[in-house]
């Protein structure tokens, strides 16, 4: 862990009991007795959808002899479940929403592990989601190697007092290799490659189907072909930030697993059937659970 990057000026006082930390958007605080049940957390799993997190928690419970599922009461922003040492939390859509979830969960992990670097670093993080493919057919699952912004530059914040704040968006290769190994017999098409994250779904993704369209078919195609030539496999809206913040603290085990819903080089509209889309989503979840079984159930 990168101790100098951890906000000890605030977080150490929480550990000392000088004041509480309110994880406001999750509806809990460091003084809540509920959190004692989470001390043994070994993984944090995130996705945009609250219903998906509920489904994942139920599935994990089934794999752990019907282990109890603990729910956080507040669900107007994020939906959170805890079961058998795994915390499942939704993050909404887009980096502004997801950044709130990631930062509050990082603070929560610091508190739960009492600031112990080794215990914090032992926690596995993952985002499971959907994406638009760049030259990949619907149904492909992408394991991200590097999260970038649409200009292929690293994630940055542009409002800092010192100018731009730049972050590292790489995803750990060792974790990615372990996920691939856990899925070697799954039959699910998995590729590894770079992923770009956009702040906006239509304009920044060079879509032609938004209420506002600022691109032409030619400029859209040129943009997507440029991405493909630079080893970009897919487009989504959270990964660059997630990797940036986890790298900043020095976590060593995290991944992003995204199903491709369509090949953006062939169009903007999702035309797959509901049954196909369900299977695409199921496959990305299966990739995650195959890894969780190997990491948490066999040791």
Protein backbone atom coordinates (compact mmCIF):
# COMPACT_ATOMS: atom_id res chain seq x y z
CA UNK A 1 0.00 0.00 0.00
CA UNK A 2 1.11 3.57 -0.66
CA UNK A 3 0.85 4.93 2.86
CA UNK A 4 1.68 8.52 1.88
CA UNK A 5 -1.39 8.62 -0.37
CA UNK A 6 -3.83 7.57 2.35
CA UNK A 7 -5.67 10.47 4.00
CA UNK A 8 -4.41 9.78 7.51
CA UNK A 9 -5.22 13.33 8.61
CA UNK A 10 -8.89 12.33 8.57
CA UNK A 11 -8.95 8.53 8.75
CA UNK A 12 -6.64 8.04 11.73
CA UNK A 13 -8.97 10.09 13.91
CA UNK A 14 -11.79 7.74 12.99
CA UNK A 15 -9.76 4.73 14.11
CA UNK A 16 -8.88 6.52 17.34
CA UNK A 17 -12.56 7.17 18.03
CA UNK A 18 -12.14 10.94 17.97
CA UNK A 19 -15.05 11.23 15.52
CA UNK A 20 -17.12 8.99 13.30
CA UNK A 21 -16.89 8.56 9.56
CA UNK A 22 -20.29 8.80 7.88
CA UNK A 23 -20.49 6.78 4.67
CA UNK A 24 -23.45 8.91 3.79
CA UNK A 25 -24.47 7.49 0.43
CA UNK A 26 -24.49 3.97 1.86
CA UNK A 27 -26.45 4.98 4.95
CA UNK A 28 -23.98 3.70 7.56
CA UNK A 29 -21.27 5.16 9.77
CA UNK A 30 -18.19 3.89 11.56
CA UNK A 31 -20.22 3.82 14.82
CA UNK A 32 -22.84 1.41 13.49
CA UNK A 33 -22.74 -2.02 15.12
CA UNK A 34 -23.71 -3.49 11.74
CA UNK A 35 -20.16 -2.98 10.53
CA UNK A 36 -18.78 -5.48 13.04
CA UNK A 37 -20.26 -8.19 10.82
CA UNK A 38 -18.12 -6.92 7.92
CA UNK A 39 -14.69 -7.08 9.60
CA UNK A 40 -13.75 -10.23 7.68
CA UNK A 41 -14.49 -8.76 4.24
CA UNK A 42 -12.26 -10.32 1.58
CA UNK A 43 -13.74 -8.88 -1.61
CA UNK A 44 -15.66 -5.83 -2.80
CA UNK A 45 -17.78 -6.45 -5.90
CA UNK A 46 -19.34 -3.51 -7.71
CA UNK A 47 -21.76 -3.04 -10.60
CA UNK A 48 -24.03 -0.30 -11.82
CA UNK A 49 -27.28 -2.10 -11.03
CA UNK A 50 -28.65 -2.55 -7.52
CA UNK A 51 -30.77 -5.52 -8.56
CA UNK A 52 -27.68 -7.22 -9.91
CA UNK A 53 -25.93 -6.83 -6.58
CA UNK A 54 -28.90 -8.42 -4.84
CA UNK A 55 -28.76 -11.30 -7.32
CA UNK A 56 -25.01 -11.73 -6.84
CA UNK A 57 -25.41 -11.81 -3.06
CA UNK A 58 -28.11 -14.47 -3.29
CA UNK A 59 -25.92 -16.51 -5.61
CA UNK A 60 -22.92 -16.20 -3.29
CA UNK A 61 -25.10 -17.24 -0.37
CA UNK A 62 -26.11 -20.40 -2.23
CA UNK A 63 -22.44 -21.23 -2.81
CA UNK A 64 -21.75 -20.77 0.91
CA UNK A 65 -24.34 -23.11 2.43
CA UNK A 66 -27.09 -20.46 2.50
CA UNK A 67 -24.95 -17.98 4.42
CA UNK A 68 -26.96 -15.00 5.68
CA UNK A 69 -27.17 -11.90 3.52
CA UNK A 70 -26.81 -8.59 5.39
CA UNK A 71 -28.47 -5.56 3.78
CA UNK A 72 -27.73 -1.89 4.33
CA UNK A 73 -31.00 -0.07 4.97
CA UNK A 74 -30.37 2.95 2.74
CA UNK A 75 -30.92 2.15 -0.93
CA UNK A 76 -31.92 5.40 -2.60
CA UNK A 77 -28.39 5.85 -3.99
CA UNK A 78 -26.58 2.53 -3.76
CA UNK A 79 -27.73 -1.00 -2.97
CA UNK A 80 -25.38 -2.94 -0.68
CA UNK A 81 -25.31 -6.54 0.49
CA UNK A 82 -22.75 -8.49 2.52
CA UNK A 83 -22.52 -12.26 2.49
CA UNK A 84 -19.76 -14.72 3.41
CA UNK A 85 -16.96 -12.13 3.48
CA UNK A 86 -17.95 -10.48 0.19
CA UNK A 87 -19.38 -6.95 0.00
CA UNK A 88 -21.62 -6.36 -3.02
CA UNK A 89 -22.37 -2.69 -3.80
CA UNK A 90 -23.93 -0.89 -6.73
CA UNK A 91 -22.29 2.32 -7.97
CA UNK A 92 -24.84 3.82 -10.35
CA UNK A 93 -23.92 4.95 -13.84
CA UNK A 94 -20.92 7.07 -14.76
CA UNK A 95 -17.74 8.18 -13.03
CA UNK A 96 -19.32 10.96 -10.93
CA UNK A 97 -21.65 8.46 -9.27
CA UNK A 98 -19.15 5.60 -9.11
CA UNK A 99 -16.42 7.83 -7.67
CA UNK A 100 -18.59 8.48 -4.62
CA UNK A 101 -19.10 4.76 -4.10
CA UNK A 102 -15.42 3.89 -4.57
CA UNK A 103 -14.15 6.60 -2.21
CA UNK A 104 -16.62 5.74 0.55
CA UNK A 105 -15.86 2.04 0.18
CA UNK A 106 -12.11 2.69 0.37
CA UNK A 107 -12.68 4.59 3.63
CA UNK A 108 -14.87 1.73 4.86
CA UNK A 109 -12.20 -0.87 4.09
CA UNK A 110 -9.61 1.26 5.92
CA UNK A 111 -11.89 1.32 8.96
CA UNK A 112 -12.83 -2.35 8.83
CA UNK A 113 -9.19 -3.42 8.55
CA UNK A 114 -8.11 -0.89 11.20
CA UNK A 115 -5.65 0.68 8.81
CA UNK A 116 -3.58 -2.50 8.53
CA UNK A 117 -1.88 -2.37 5.14
CA UNK A 118 -1.57 -6.12 4.63
CA UNK A 119 -5.20 -6.74 5.56
CA UNK A 120 -6.39 -3.95 3.27
CA UNK A 121 -4.28 -5.16 0.36
CA UNK A 122 -5.65 -8.70 0.74
CA UNK A 123 -9.09 -7.42 -0.32
CA UNK A 124 -10.01 -8.14 -3.96
CA UNK A 125 -11.99 -5.49 -5.86
CA UNK A 126 -13.97 -5.95 -9.07
CA UNK A 127 -16.36 -4.07 -11.26
CA UNK A 128 -18.68 -6.19 -13.39
CA UNK A 129 -20.59 -4.40 -16.11
CA UNK A 130 -21.58 -3.96 -19.73
CA UNK A 131 -19.88 -2.08 -22.52
CA UNK A 132 -19.79 -1.29 -26.20
CA UNK A 133 -17.27 -3.35 -28.10
CA UNK A 134 -14.68 -1.92 -30.47
CA UNK A 135 -14.36 -4.56 -33.17
CA UNK A 136 -15.72 -7.25 -30.84
CA UNK A 137 -19.07 -9.03 -31.24
CA UNK A 138 -21.77 -9.01 -28.61
CA UNK A 139 -21.19 -11.67 -25.99
CA UNK A 140 -17.44 -11.18 -25.69
CA UNK A 141 -16.21 -10.56 -22.15
CA UNK A 142 -13.37 -8.05 -21.75
CA UNK A 143 -10.84 -8.13 -18.94
CA UNK A 144 -9.41 -4.64 -18.87
CA UNK A 145 -5.65 -4.13 -18.97
CA UNK A 146 -5.73 -0.33 -18.73
CA UNK A 147 -8.48 2.21 -18.15
CA UNK A 148 -8.14 5.40 -20.18
CA UNK A 149 -10.11 8.51 -21.07
CA UNK A 150 -11.48 8.99 -24.63
CA UNK A 151 -8.27 10.75 -25.71
CA UNK A 152 -6.30 7.64 -24.63
CA UNK A 153 -4.69 9.58 -21.80
CA UNK A 154 -4.87 8.49 -18.15
CA UNK A 155 -7.69 9.46 -15.82
CA UNK A 156 -7.30 12.95 -14.38
CA UNK A 157 -9.19 15.54 -12.41
CA UNK A 158 -9.09 19.01 -13.91
CA UNK A 159 -10.21 21.21 -11.03
CA UNK A 160 -7.34 20.82 -8.58
CA UNK A 161 -5.63 23.79 -7.00
CA UNK A 162 -2.33 22.51 -8.40
CA UNK A 163 -3.70 22.00 -11.91
CA UNK A 164 -4.52 18.61 -13.36
CA UNK A 165 -4.25 15.61 -11.06
CA UNK A 166 -3.15 12.55 -13.06
CA UNK A 167 -3.70 8.93 -12.04
CA UNK A 168 -2.55 5.46 -13.08
CA UNK A 169 -5.32 3.47 -14.75
CA UNK A 170 -3.59 0.11 -15.15
CA UNK A 171 -5.22 -3.08 -13.88
CA UNK A 172 -2.98 -5.69 -12.19
CA UNK A 173 -1.75 -8.32 -14.64
CA UNK A 174 -1.40 -10.98 -11.95
CA UNK A 175 -5.08 -10.72 -11.02
CA UNK A 176 -6.10 -10.79 -14.66
CA UNK A 177 -4.05 -13.95 -15.24
CA UNK A 178 -5.70 -15.61 -12.24
CA UNK A 179 -9.16 -14.78 -13.59
CA UNK A 180 -8.25 -16.25 -16.97
CA UNK A 181 -6.94 -19.39 -15.28
CA UNK A 182 -10.15 -19.77 -13.28
CA UNK A 183 -12.13 -19.56 -16.53
CA UNK A 184 -9.94 -21.77 -18.72
CA UNK A 185 -12.72 -24.36 -19.15
CA UNK A 186 -15.72 -22.01 -19.11
CA UNK A 187 -16.17 -21.77 -22.88
CA UNK A 188 -16.88 -18.04 -22.48
CA UNK A 189 -15.11 -15.84 -25.07
CA UNK A 190 -12.73 -13.65 -23.05
CA UNK A 191 -10.26 -11.09 -24.37
CA UNK A 192 -7.86 -8.72 -22.61
CA UNK A 193 -7.39 -5.16 -23.73
CA UNK A 194 -7.61 -1.48 -23.03
CA UNK A 195 -10.92 0.16 -22.08
CA UNK A 196 -11.92 3.80 -22.35
CA UNK A 197 -14.30 5.44 -19.89
CA UNK A 198 -16.38 8.45 -20.86
CA UNK A 199 -18.17 11.03 -18.74
CA UNK A 200 -21.09 11.07 -21.17
CA UNK A 201 -22.93 8.27 -22.96
CA UNK A 202 -23.77 9.82 -26.31
CA UNK A 203 -21.50 12.71 -27.34
CA UNK A 204 -18.22 11.50 -25.84
CA UNK A 205 -18.80 8.03 -27.25
CA UNK A 206 -19.26 9.49 -30.75
CA UNK A 207 -22.77 8.07 -30.98
CA UNK A 208 -25.13 9.14 -33.73
CA UNK A 209 -28.35 8.18 -31.89
CA UNK A 210 -28.47 10.81 -29.14
CA UNK A 211 -30.86 13.73 -28.84
CA UNK A 212 -27.75 15.83 -29.51
CA UNK A 213 -25.41 14.57 -32.22
CA UNK A 214 -22.14 16.41 -32.91
CA UNK A 215 -20.48 13.81 -35.12
CA UNK A 216 -20.94 12.45 -38.63
CA UNK A 217 -20.78 8.82 -39.72
CA UNK A 218 -17.29 9.54 -41.02
CA UNK A 219 -15.90 11.12 -37.84
CA UNK A 220 -17.52 8.42 -35.72
CA UNK A 221 -15.93 5.68 -37.80
CA UNK A 222 -12.55 7.40 -37.75
CA UNK A 223 -12.70 7.67 -33.96
CA UNK A 224 -13.63 4.02 -33.44
CA UNK A 225 -11.00 2.81 -35.91
CA UNK A 226 -8.42 4.95 -34.09
CA UNK A 227 -9.40 3.30 -30.83
CA UNK A 228 -9.15 -0.15 -32.37
CA UNK A 229 -5.70 0.64 -33.81
CA UNK A 230 -4.62 1.55 -30.27
CA UNK A 231 -5.72 -1.78 -28.76
CA UNK A 232 -8.96 -0.49 -27.22
CA UNK A 233 -11.47 -3.32 -26.87
CA UNK A 234 -14.46 -1.59 -25.34
CA UNK A 235 -16.09 1.59 -24.08
CA UNK A 236 -17.81 2.06 -20.71
CA UNK A 237 -18.14 4.79 -18.07
CA UNK A 238 -16.43 3.90 -14.78
CA UNK A 239 -13.28 1.81 -15.12
CA UNK A 240 -10.59 4.46 -15.56
CA UNK A 241 -11.64 6.16 -12.33
CA UNK A 242 -11.92 2.91 -10.39
CA UNK A 243 -8.41 1.80 -11.35
CA UNK A 244 -7.08 5.31 -10.72
CA UNK A 245 -8.30 5.50 -7.14
CA UNK A 246 -7.38 1.93 -6.20
CA UNK A 247 -3.90 2.40 -7.68
CA UNK A 248 -3.51 5.65 -5.76
CA UNK A 249 -3.80 3.81 -2.45
CA UNK A 250 -1.78 0.90 -3.79
CA UNK A 251 -4.27 -1.96 -3.84
CA UNK A 252 -2.74 -4.84 -5.76
CA UNK A 253 -5.74 -7.01 -6.61
CA UNK A 254 -8.60 -5.61 -8.68
CA UNK A 255 -10.22 -6.17 -12.04
CA UNK A 256 -12.91 -5.03 -14.43
CA UNK A 257 -15.01 -7.64 -16.20
CA UNK A 258 -17.34 -6.22 -18.85
CA UNK A 259 -19.64 -7.97 -21.29
CA UNK A 260 -19.80 -6.48 -24.78
CA UNK A 261 -23.39 -5.79 -25.85
CA UNK A 262 -22.64 -4.75 -29.43
CA UNK A 263 -19.85 -3.95 -31.85
CA UNK A 264 -19.80 -0.17 -32.12
CA UNK A 265 -18.10 -0.39 -35.52
CA UNK A 266 -21.36 -1.86 -36.81
CA UNK A 267 -23.83 0.54 -35.16
CA UNK A 268 -25.00 2.36 -32.04
CA UNK A 269 -28.29 0.65 -31.21
CA UNK A 270 -28.40 -2.53 -29.15
CA UNK A 271 -30.26 -4.99 -31.37
CA UNK A 272 -29.65 -8.25 -29.52
CA UNK A 273 -32.70 -10.05 -28.20
CA UNK A 274 -33.59 -9.87 -24.49
CA UNK A 275 -32.51 -13.49 -24.21
CA UNK A 276 -29.12 -12.73 -25.76
CA UNK A 277 -28.58 -9.70 -23.54
CA UNK A 278 -29.42 -11.75 -20.48
CA UNK A 279 -26.88 -14.37 -21.51
CA UNK A 280 -24.20 -11.72 -22.14
CA UNK A 281 -24.76 -10.39 -18.63
CA UNK A 282 -24.80 -13.87 -17.14
CA UNK A 283 -21.47 -14.69 -18.78
CA UNK A 284 -19.68 -11.72 -17.23
CA UNK A 285 -21.07 -12.74 -13.84
CA UNK A 286 -19.94 -16.31 -14.44
CA UNK A 287 -16.39 -15.13 -15.14
CA UNK A 288 -16.41 -13.31 -11.80
CA UNK A 289 -17.87 -16.21 -9.83
CA UNK A 290 -15.46 -18.71 -11.32
CA UNK A 291 -12.68 -16.55 -9.93
CA UNK A 292 -14.37 -16.02 -6.56
CA UNK A 293 -14.73 -19.79 -6.20
CA UNK A 294 -11.04 -20.31 -6.89
CA UNK A 295 -9.90 -17.46 -4.64
CA UNK A 296 -12.31 -17.65 -1.70
CA UNK A 297 -13.86 -21.12 -1.62
CA UNK A 298 -10.84 -23.33 -2.21
CA UNK A 299 -8.52 -21.79 0.36
